[in-house]
Protein backbone atom coordinates (compact mmCIF):
# COMPACT_ATOMS: atom_id res chain seq x y z
CA MET A 1 -16.92 5.06 2.46
CA ALA A 2 -14.23 7.98 0.74
CA GLY A 3 -12.60 7.90 -2.57
CA ILE A 4 -9.00 7.59 -2.85
CA THR A 5 -6.37 10.56 -2.28
CA LEU A 6 -3.06 10.69 -3.82
CA TYR A 7 -1.00 12.72 -1.75
CA GLY A 8 2.45 14.43 -3.58
CA ILE A 9 4.17 16.43 -5.34
CA ALA A 10 2.99 17.28 -8.87
CA ASN A 11 6.61 17.27 -10.68
CA CYS A 12 7.46 14.31 -8.60
CA ASP A 13 8.50 11.05 -10.83
CA THR A 14 7.11 8.83 -9.51
CA VAL A 15 3.91 10.90 -8.59
CA LYS A 16 3.29 11.69 -12.02
CA ARG A 17 4.37 7.67 -12.74
CA ALA A 18 1.59 6.65 -10.00
CA ARG A 19 -1.11 8.95 -11.75
CA ALA A 20 -0.33 7.99 -14.78
CA TRP A 21 -1.19 3.98 -13.93
CA LEU A 22 -4.61 5.02 -11.78
CA ALA A 23 -5.66 6.82 -15.27
CA GLY A 24 -5.07 3.67 -16.55
CA GLN A 25 -6.69 1.59 -15.12
CA SER A 26 -9.70 4.20 -14.86
CA VAL A 27 -9.42 4.76 -11.51
CA THR A 28 -11.14 7.95 -10.20
CA PHE A 29 -8.92 9.58 -7.69
CA GLU A 30 -8.69 13.43 -5.85
CA PHE A 31 -4.88 14.54 -5.95
CA HIS A 32 -3.29 16.72 -3.41
CA ASP A 33 -0.18 18.66 -4.19
CA PHE A 34 1.90 19.07 -0.98
CA LYS A 35 3.14 22.83 -2.91
CA LYS A 36 0.03 24.26 -3.67
CA ALA A 37 -2.44 23.12 -0.95
CA GLY A 38 0.17 22.10 2.22
CA VAL A 39 0.65 19.19 3.96
CA PRO A 40 -2.35 18.72 6.67
CA ALA A 41 -1.54 18.28 9.95
CA ALA A 42 -4.31 15.74 10.84
CA ASP A 43 -3.16 13.50 7.59
CA LEU A 44 0.33 13.92 8.46
CA ASP A 45 -0.51 12.33 12.22
CA ARG A 46 -2.29 9.24 10.27
CA TRP A 47 0.03 8.64 7.99
CA LEU A 48 2.68 8.58 10.78
CA ASP A 49 0.37 6.22 12.77
CA ALA A 50 -0.28 4.16 9.81
CA ALA A 51 3.22 3.86 8.10
CA GLY A 52 5.89 4.63 10.84
CA TRP A 53 7.62 8.00 10.31
CA GLU A 54 10.81 6.23 9.33
CA ARG A 55 9.11 4.85 6.16
CA LEU A 56 7.18 8.42 5.47
CA LEU A 57 10.71 10.48 5.81
CA ASN A 58 12.56 10.78 2.16
CA ARG A 59 16.41 9.78 3.33
CA LYS A 60 17.17 9.79 -0.18
CA GLY A 61 15.60 12.68 -2.36
CA THR A 62 17.55 16.10 -2.74
CA THR A 63 15.97 17.84 0.11
CA TRP A 64 17.44 15.87 2.76
CA ARG A 65 20.96 16.38 1.33
CA LYS A 66 20.36 19.79 1.47
CA LEU A 67 19.82 19.85 5.05
CA ASP A 68 22.53 20.69 7.57
CA GLU A 69 24.52 17.70 9.25
CA ALA A 70 22.95 19.08 12.49
CA ARG A 71 19.24 19.28 10.55
CA ARG A 72 19.69 15.29 10.10
CA ASP A 73 20.99 14.09 13.06
CA ALA A 74 18.65 15.83 14.90
CA VAL A 75 15.76 13.31 13.75
CA GLY A 76 15.46 10.17 15.55
CA ASN A 77 11.74 10.12 16.44
CA SER A 78 7.99 10.88 15.01
CA ALA A 79 8.10 14.23 16.49
CA ASP A 80 11.36 15.52 14.97
CA ALA A 81 10.00 14.05 12.12
CA ARG A 82 6.67 15.33 11.32
CA GLU A 83 8.10 18.57 12.46
CA LEU A 84 10.83 18.45 9.47
CA MET A 85 7.90 17.24 7.12
CA ARG A 86 5.83 20.12 7.95
CA ALA A 87 8.56 22.68 7.37
CA GLU A 88 10.01 20.96 4.27
CA PRO A 89 6.86 18.78 2.12
CA SER A 90 9.22 17.41 -0.03
CA LEU A 91 10.90 15.00 2.57
CA ILE A 92 8.04 13.43 2.79
CA LYS A 93 8.29 10.50 0.83
CA ARG A 94 6.23 10.25 -2.27
CA PRO A 95 3.27 9.28 -3.17
CA VAL A 96 1.19 9.12 0.01
CA VAL A 97 -2.16 7.05 -0.75
CA GLN A 98 -5.06 7.04 0.84
CA TRP A 99 -7.64 3.81 0.24
CA THR A 100 -11.32 3.98 -0.51
CA ASP A 101 -11.03 1.43 2.68
CA GLY A 102 -9.05 3.86 4.99
CA SER A 103 -5.46 2.14 4.72
CA ILE A 104 -2.68 4.18 3.92
CA THR A 105 0.65 3.46 2.24
CA VAL A 106 3.75 5.01 1.14
CA GLY A 107 5.29 4.93 -2.06
CA PHE A 108 4.03 3.48 -5.99
CA ASP A 109 4.03 -0.19 -6.24
CA ALA A 110 1.86 -1.20 -8.84
CA ASP A 111 1.26 -5.02 -8.41
CA ASP A 112 -0.35 -3.85 -4.95
CA TRP A 113 -1.69 -1.23 -5.76
CA ALA A 114 -3.92 -3.48 -8.67
CA LEU A 115 -5.13 -5.77 -5.22
CA ARG A 116 -6.39 -3.07 -3.52
CA ILE A 117 -8.70 -0.94 -6.54
CA ARG A 118 -10.35 -5.08 -7.29
């Protein structure tokens, strides 16, 4: 069985909290930094299938707000969102976690995570 992989950006506050929480629970995990290692296409496809593009696309962050209106309005389906997230990894809501059972979660939820690591 595969281990836990946490995907995100090292300087993201939510990713920092998530990493600290996992470390505080003595959970071993691999960290994949989008900025340094990119977004693996196959992983992005798996996340889109598991969580849906609406959940995965971060429309609240600075990167989204900096996009021109036409580019934001052009995102209407999974393929559009995938293309944009590949070009702008900061548009992926963070963290994305692949758990040991292969399931995917998006965002940090300590209560949910506590159940997953038992």
